[in-house]
């Protein structure tokens, strides 16, 4: 019985490397500014929520203080503070300039990670 020749003399055409595997550390092209669906729908809104809480810090503090004082009755007692907090956060969520700012900040962080291979949290611990 004769073995089949596994290797051919023909060259296998090279496949293009996907953009998410390019870059110096194989985690993506640092200059790629396209956003995946999960980044648009989850990551950037999460960043907006975090930054929005900082911008509405007075309302967050007032709501937290009311909840601590009211304990179980906070649902009824803290409606006013909850409404103010929601209004403030909604104002920031609907602000297109704020969304662009958060998107640009995210893209800069992602680009830096792709360039260095070091996550933002790791940089804080190393410094």
N, C-alpha and C. Protein backbone atom coordinates (compact mmCIF):
# COMPACT_ATOMS: atom_id res chain seq x y z
N UNK A 1 0.85 -1.17 0.00
CA UNK A 1 0.00 0.00 0.00
C UNK A 1 0.90 1.24 0.00
N UNK A 2 0.61 2.16 -0.87
CA UNK A 2 1.42 3.36 -1.04
C UNK A 2 0.82 4.53 -0.27
N UNK A 3 1.66 5.30 0.42
CA UNK A 3 1.17 6.45 1.17
C UNK A 3 0.91 7.63 0.24
N UNK A 4 -0.12 8.36 0.53
CA UNK A 4 -0.43 9.54 -0.28
C UNK A 4 0.54 10.66 0.06
N UNK A 5 0.91 11.42 -0.94
CA UNK A 5 1.82 12.53 -0.75
C UNK A 5 1.06 13.69 -0.10
N UNK A 6 1.42 14.02 1.14
CA UNK A 6 0.69 15.03 1.89
C UNK A 6 1.08 16.44 1.48
N UNK A 7 2.33 16.63 1.13
CA UNK A 7 2.81 17.97 0.77
C UNK A 7 2.85 18.11 -0.74
N UNK A 8 2.30 19.19 -1.21
CA UNK A 8 2.35 19.50 -2.63
C UNK A 8 3.40 20.58 -2.85
N UNK A 9 3.80 20.72 -4.08
CA UNK A 9 4.76 21.78 -4.41
C UNK A 9 4.07 23.12 -4.58
N UNK A 10 2.77 23.11 -4.56
CA UNK A 10 2.02 24.35 -4.73
C UNK A 10 2.06 25.17 -3.45
N UNK A 11 2.23 26.46 -3.61
CA UNK A 11 2.25 27.36 -2.45
C UNK A 11 0.83 27.64 -2.00
N UNK A 12 0.63 27.61 -0.70
CA UNK A 12 -0.69 27.92 -0.14
C UNK A 12 -0.81 29.44 -0.08
N UNK A 13 -1.87 29.97 -0.69
CA UNK A 13 -2.01 31.44 -0.66
C UNK A 13 -2.17 31.94 0.77
N UNK A 14 -1.53 33.05 1.07
CA UNK A 14 -1.59 33.62 2.42
C UNK A 14 -2.93 34.27 2.63
N UNK A 15 -3.51 34.00 3.78
CA UNK A 15 -4.77 34.65 4.15
C UNK A 15 -4.47 36.00 4.75
N UNK A 16 -5.32 36.97 4.50
CA UNK A 16 -5.10 38.26 5.16
C UNK A 16 -5.34 38.13 6.67
N UNK A 17 -4.53 38.80 7.44
CA UNK A 17 -4.67 38.74 8.89
C UNK A 17 -5.83 39.65 9.30
N UNK A 18 -6.78 39.13 10.09
CA UNK A 18 -7.89 39.98 10.53
C UNK A 18 -7.38 41.16 11.36
N UNK A 19 -8.09 42.29 11.30
CA UNK A 19 -7.63 43.51 11.99
C UNK A 19 -7.54 43.30 13.50
N UNK A 20 -8.34 42.40 14.06
CA UNK A 20 -8.30 42.21 15.50
C UNK A 20 -7.10 41.38 15.94
N UNK A 21 -6.33 40.83 14.98
CA UNK A 21 -5.12 40.09 15.32
C UNK A 21 -3.85 40.84 14.95
N UNK A 22 -3.98 41.96 14.30
CA UNK A 22 -2.82 42.73 13.88
C UNK A 22 -2.24 43.49 15.07
N UNK A 23 -1.24 44.24 14.80
CA UNK A 23 -0.64 45.06 15.84
C UNK A 23 0.56 44.38 16.46
N UNK A 24 1.33 45.13 17.23
CA UNK A 24 2.57 44.62 17.79
C UNK A 24 2.40 43.48 18.80
N UNK A 25 1.25 43.38 19.43
CA UNK A 25 1.04 42.36 20.46
C UNK A 25 -0.05 41.36 20.08
N UNK A 26 -0.51 41.42 18.83
CA UNK A 26 -1.52 40.48 18.37
C UNK A 26 -2.90 40.70 18.97
N UNK A 27 -3.15 41.91 19.48
CA UNK A 27 -4.47 42.20 20.08
C UNK A 27 -5.26 43.21 19.25
N UNK A 28 -4.75 43.57 18.09
CA UNK A 28 -5.47 44.46 17.21
C UNK A 28 -4.62 45.62 16.75
N UNK A 29 -5.05 46.22 15.69
CA UNK A 29 -4.36 47.36 15.11
C UNK A 29 -4.59 48.58 15.99
N UNK A 30 -3.52 49.21 16.51
CA UNK A 30 -3.69 50.37 17.38
C UNK A 30 -4.37 51.56 16.69
N UNK A 31 -4.24 51.62 15.37
CA UNK A 31 -4.82 52.77 14.64
C UNK A 31 -6.22 52.50 14.12
N UNK A 32 -6.75 51.32 14.37
CA UNK A 32 -8.10 50.98 13.93
C UNK A 32 -9.11 51.72 14.80
N UNK A 33 -9.98 52.51 14.17
CA UNK A 33 -10.96 53.29 14.93
C UNK A 33 -12.38 52.74 14.78
N UNK A 34 -12.51 51.57 14.16
CA UNK A 34 -13.84 50.99 14.03
C UNK A 34 -14.24 50.38 15.37
N UNK A 35 -15.54 50.36 15.62
CA UNK A 35 -16.07 49.83 16.88
C UNK A 35 -16.87 48.57 16.61
N UNK A 36 -16.67 47.56 17.42
CA UNK A 36 -17.48 46.35 17.34
C UNK A 36 -18.83 46.64 17.99
N UNK A 37 -19.76 45.77 17.74
CA UNK A 37 -21.11 45.94 18.27
C UNK A 37 -21.11 46.00 19.80
N UNK A 38 -20.36 45.10 20.44
CA UNK A 38 -20.33 45.05 21.91
C UNK A 38 -19.72 46.35 22.47
N UNK A 39 -18.78 46.92 21.75
CA UNK A 39 -18.18 48.18 22.22
C UNK A 39 -19.19 49.32 22.14
N UNK A 40 -19.97 49.34 21.05
CA UNK A 40 -20.98 50.40 20.89
C UNK A 40 -22.12 50.26 21.90
N UNK A 41 -22.56 49.03 22.12
CA UNK A 41 -23.78 48.81 22.91
C UNK A 41 -23.53 48.54 24.38
N UNK A 42 -22.30 48.14 24.75
CA UNK A 42 -22.04 47.80 26.15
C UNK A 42 -20.91 48.64 26.75
N UNK A 43 -19.75 48.59 26.13
CA UNK A 43 -18.56 49.20 26.72
C UNK A 43 -18.66 50.72 26.82
N UNK A 44 -19.05 51.37 25.73
CA UNK A 44 -19.14 52.84 25.76
C UNK A 44 -20.27 53.31 26.67
N UNK A 45 -21.47 52.71 26.63
CA UNK A 45 -22.49 53.10 27.61
C UNK A 45 -22.05 52.89 29.06
N UNK A 46 -21.25 51.84 29.31
CA UNK A 46 -20.75 51.60 30.67
C UNK A 46 -19.81 52.75 31.07
N UNK A 47 -18.96 53.18 30.15
CA UNK A 47 -18.06 54.30 30.41
C UNK A 47 -18.88 55.58 30.63
N UNK A 48 -19.94 55.76 29.87
CA UNK A 48 -20.82 56.93 30.04
C UNK A 48 -21.47 56.91 31.42
N UNK A 49 -21.89 55.73 31.86
CA UNK A 49 -22.52 55.60 33.17
C UNK A 49 -21.54 55.97 34.28
N UNK A 50 -20.31 55.47 34.17
CA UNK A 50 -19.28 55.77 35.18
C UNK A 50 -18.99 57.26 35.24
N UNK A 51 -18.78 57.86 34.07
CA UNK A 51 -18.46 59.29 34.03
C UNK A 51 -19.68 60.14 34.41
N UNK A 52 -20.89 59.65 34.06
CA UNK A 52 -22.11 60.36 34.42
C UNK A 52 -22.29 60.43 35.92
N UNK A 53 -21.95 59.35 36.62
CA UNK A 53 -22.06 59.34 38.08
C UNK A 53 -21.11 60.36 38.70
N UNK A 54 -19.96 60.56 38.07
CA UNK A 54 -19.02 61.57 38.57
C UNK A 54 -19.57 62.98 38.33
N UNK A 55 -20.21 63.18 37.18
CA UNK A 55 -20.77 64.49 36.87
C UNK A 55 -22.00 64.79 37.71
N UNK A 56 -22.69 63.75 38.17
CA UNK A 56 -23.89 63.92 39.01
C UNK A 56 -23.57 63.54 40.45
N UNK A 57 -22.37 63.84 40.90
CA UNK A 57 -21.93 63.39 42.22
C UNK A 57 -22.79 63.93 43.36
N UNK A 58 -23.31 65.14 43.22
CA UNK A 58 -24.18 65.70 44.28
C UNK A 58 -25.46 64.89 44.41
N UNK A 59 -26.08 64.55 43.28
CA UNK A 59 -27.32 63.78 43.30
C UNK A 59 -27.06 62.35 43.80
N UNK A 60 -25.93 61.78 43.41
CA UNK A 60 -25.57 60.43 43.87
C UNK A 60 -25.40 60.44 45.39
N UNK A 61 -24.69 61.45 45.91
CA UNK A 61 -24.46 61.54 47.35
C UNK A 61 -25.78 61.74 48.11
N UNK A 62 -26.66 62.60 47.57
CA UNK A 62 -27.95 62.84 48.22
C UNK A 62 -28.79 61.57 48.24
N UNK A 63 -28.82 60.84 47.14
CA UNK A 63 -29.59 59.60 47.07
C UNK A 63 -29.02 58.55 48.03
N UNK A 64 -27.70 58.41 48.05
CA UNK A 64 -27.07 57.45 48.96
C UNK A 64 -27.37 57.78 50.42
N UNK A 65 -27.27 59.04 50.77
CA UNK A 65 -27.54 59.47 52.14
C UNK A 65 -28.99 59.19 52.52
N UNK A 66 -29.91 59.47 51.61
CA UNK A 66 -31.33 59.20 51.87
C UNK A 66 -31.56 57.71 52.08
N UNK A 67 -30.93 56.88 51.26
CA UNK A 67 -31.09 55.43 51.38
C UNK A 67 -30.55 54.93 52.72
N UNK A 68 -29.43 55.47 53.15
CA UNK A 68 -28.86 55.06 54.43
C UNK A 68 -29.79 55.43 55.58
N UNK A 69 -30.38 56.62 55.52
CA UNK A 69 -31.28 57.08 56.58
C UNK A 69 -32.59 56.30 56.59
N UNK A 70 -33.09 55.99 55.40
CA UNK A 70 -34.44 55.42 55.29
C UNK A 70 -34.50 53.91 55.45
N UNK A 71 -33.44 53.22 55.17
CA UNK A 71 -33.38 51.77 55.28
C UNK A 71 -34.44 51.11 54.40
N UNK A 72 -35.39 50.41 55.00
CA UNK A 72 -36.40 49.67 54.25
C UNK A 72 -37.37 50.59 53.53
N UNK A 73 -37.65 51.74 54.09
CA UNK A 73 -38.64 52.66 53.51
C UNK A 73 -38.04 53.55 52.42
N UNK A 74 -36.84 53.23 51.94
CA UNK A 74 -36.18 54.11 50.97
C UNK A 74 -36.95 54.22 49.66
N UNK A 75 -37.69 53.18 49.28
CA UNK A 75 -38.46 53.23 48.04
C UNK A 75 -39.44 54.39 48.06
N UNK A 76 -40.06 54.61 49.20
CA UNK A 76 -41.04 55.68 49.33
C UNK A 76 -40.36 57.00 49.69
N UNK A 77 -39.44 56.97 50.63
CA UNK A 77 -38.84 58.20 51.16
C UNK A 77 -37.87 58.89 50.20
N UNK A 78 -37.25 58.16 49.31
CA UNK A 78 -36.19 58.74 48.47
C UNK A 78 -36.61 58.94 47.02
N UNK A 79 -37.90 59.04 46.79
CA UNK A 79 -38.37 59.23 45.42
C UNK A 79 -37.84 60.52 44.80
N UNK A 80 -37.82 61.58 45.57
CA UNK A 80 -37.35 62.87 45.06
C UNK A 80 -35.88 62.82 44.65
N UNK A 81 -35.06 62.27 45.53
CA UNK A 81 -33.62 62.16 45.23
C UNK A 81 -33.38 61.22 44.04
N UNK A 82 -34.18 60.14 43.98
CA UNK A 82 -34.05 59.21 42.87
C UNK A 82 -34.42 59.88 41.55
N UNK A 83 -35.48 60.68 41.56
CA UNK A 83 -35.90 61.40 40.36
C UNK A 83 -34.82 62.39 39.92
N UNK A 84 -34.24 63.12 40.86
CA UNK A 84 -33.18 64.08 40.53
C UNK A 84 -31.96 63.36 39.95
N UNK A 85 -31.60 62.23 40.54
CA UNK A 85 -30.46 61.45 40.05
C UNK A 85 -30.73 60.94 38.63
N UNK A 86 -31.90 60.38 38.41
CA UNK A 86 -32.25 59.88 37.08
C UNK A 86 -32.26 61.00 36.05
N UNK A 87 -32.78 62.16 36.43
CA UNK A 87 -32.83 63.30 35.51
C UNK A 87 -31.43 63.74 35.11
N UNK A 88 -30.55 63.82 36.09
CA UNK A 88 -29.18 64.23 35.83
C UNK A 88 -28.48 63.21 34.93
N UNK A 89 -28.58 61.93 35.25
CA UNK A 89 -27.93 60.90 34.44
C UNK A 89 -28.51 60.86 33.02
N UNK A 90 -29.82 60.99 32.89
CA UNK A 90 -30.46 60.97 31.58
C UNK A 90 -29.97 62.13 30.72
N UNK A 91 -29.81 63.29 31.36
CA UNK A 91 -29.30 64.46 30.63
C UNK A 91 -27.94 64.14 30.02
N UNK A 92 -27.06 63.47 30.76
CA UNK A 92 -25.74 63.15 30.26
C UNK A 92 -25.79 62.02 29.23
N UNK A 93 -26.65 61.02 29.43
CA UNK A 93 -26.75 59.91 28.48
C UNK A 93 -27.23 60.39 27.11
N UNK A 94 -28.07 61.41 27.09
CA UNK A 94 -28.63 61.89 25.84
C UNK A 94 -27.78 62.96 25.17
N UNK A 95 -26.72 63.39 25.81
CA UNK A 95 -25.84 64.43 25.28
C UNK A 95 -24.87 63.79 24.27
N UNK A 96 -25.02 64.15 22.98
CA UNK A 96 -24.19 63.56 21.93
C UNK A 96 -22.71 63.93 22.08
N UNK A 97 -22.44 65.15 22.55
CA UNK A 97 -21.04 65.55 22.75
C UNK A 97 -20.39 64.70 23.84
N UNK A 98 -21.14 64.41 24.89
CA UNK A 98 -20.65 63.56 25.98
C UNK A 98 -20.37 62.15 25.47
N UNK A 99 -21.27 61.65 24.62
CA UNK A 99 -21.09 60.31 24.05
C UNK A 99 -19.83 60.28 23.18
N UNK A 100 -19.62 61.32 22.37
CA UNK A 100 -18.42 61.39 21.53
C UNK A 100 -17.17 61.46 22.39
N UNK A 101 -17.24 62.23 23.48
CA UNK A 101 -16.10 62.34 24.40
C UNK A 101 -15.75 60.98 25.00
N UNK A 102 -16.76 60.25 25.44
CA UNK A 102 -16.53 58.91 26.03
C UNK A 102 -16.01 57.93 24.98
N UNK A 103 -16.53 58.04 23.75
CA UNK A 103 -16.07 57.17 22.67
C UNK A 103 -14.61 57.44 22.35
N UNK A 104 -14.24 58.72 22.26
CA UNK A 104 -12.84 59.07 21.97
C UNK A 104 -11.92 58.61 23.10
N UNK A 105 -12.37 58.75 24.33
CA UNK A 105 -11.57 58.30 25.47
C UNK A 105 -11.38 56.79 25.43
N UNK A 106 -12.45 56.07 25.10
CA UNK A 106 -12.36 54.61 24.99
C UNK A 106 -11.40 54.22 23.87
N UNK A 107 -11.53 54.87 22.71
CA UNK A 107 -10.66 54.53 21.58
C UNK A 107 -9.19 54.81 21.91
N UNK A 108 -8.92 55.87 22.66
CA UNK A 108 -7.54 56.18 23.06
C UNK A 108 -7.01 55.10 24.00
N UNK A 109 -7.84 54.67 24.96
CA UNK A 109 -7.43 53.61 25.90
C UNK A 109 -7.19 52.29 25.16
N UNK A 110 -8.08 51.97 24.22
CA UNK A 110 -7.95 50.73 23.46
C UNK A 110 -6.70 50.77 22.58
N UNK A 111 -6.45 51.90 21.96
CA UNK A 111 -5.27 52.07 21.11
C UNK A 111 -3.99 51.91 21.92
N UNK A 112 -3.97 52.51 23.11
CA UNK A 112 -2.80 52.40 23.98
C UNK A 112 -2.58 50.95 24.40
N UNK A 113 -3.66 50.25 24.72
CA UNK A 113 -3.55 48.83 25.08
C UNK A 113 -3.01 48.02 23.91
N UNK A 114 -3.54 48.28 22.72
CA UNK A 114 -3.09 47.53 21.55
C UNK A 114 -1.63 47.85 21.21
N UNK A 115 -1.21 49.07 21.51
CA UNK A 115 0.16 49.48 21.22
C UNK A 115 1.15 48.87 22.21
N UNK A 116 0.78 48.83 23.49
CA UNK A 116 1.70 48.40 24.55
C UNK A 116 1.45 46.98 25.05
N UNK A 117 0.20 46.51 24.94
CA UNK A 117 -0.15 45.21 25.50
C UNK A 117 -0.43 45.26 26.99
N UNK A 118 -0.42 46.47 27.57
CA UNK A 118 -0.66 46.64 29.01
C UNK A 118 -2.01 47.32 29.20
N UNK A 119 -2.87 46.69 30.01
CA UNK A 119 -4.18 47.26 30.28
C UNK A 119 -4.05 48.47 31.20
N UNK A 120 -5.07 49.32 31.18
CA UNK A 120 -5.07 50.55 31.98
C UNK A 120 -4.88 50.24 33.47
N UNK A 121 -5.58 49.22 33.98
CA UNK A 121 -5.49 48.86 35.39
C UNK A 121 -4.09 48.38 35.75
N UNK A 122 -3.43 47.65 34.86
CA UNK A 122 -2.09 47.16 35.11
C UNK A 122 -1.09 48.32 35.21
N UNK A 123 -1.30 49.36 34.41
CA UNK A 123 -0.41 50.52 34.44
C UNK A 123 -0.45 51.19 35.80
N UNK A 124 -1.64 51.26 36.39
CA UNK A 124 -1.77 51.91 37.70
C UNK A 124 -0.99 51.15 38.76
N UNK A 125 -1.00 49.81 38.68
CA UNK A 125 -0.31 49.00 39.68
C UNK A 125 1.20 49.04 39.49
N UNK A 126 1.64 49.16 38.23
CA UNK A 126 3.06 49.18 37.95
C UNK A 126 3.71 50.52 38.29
N UNK A 127 2.94 51.59 38.23
CA UNK A 127 3.51 52.93 38.48
C UNK A 127 3.84 53.18 39.92
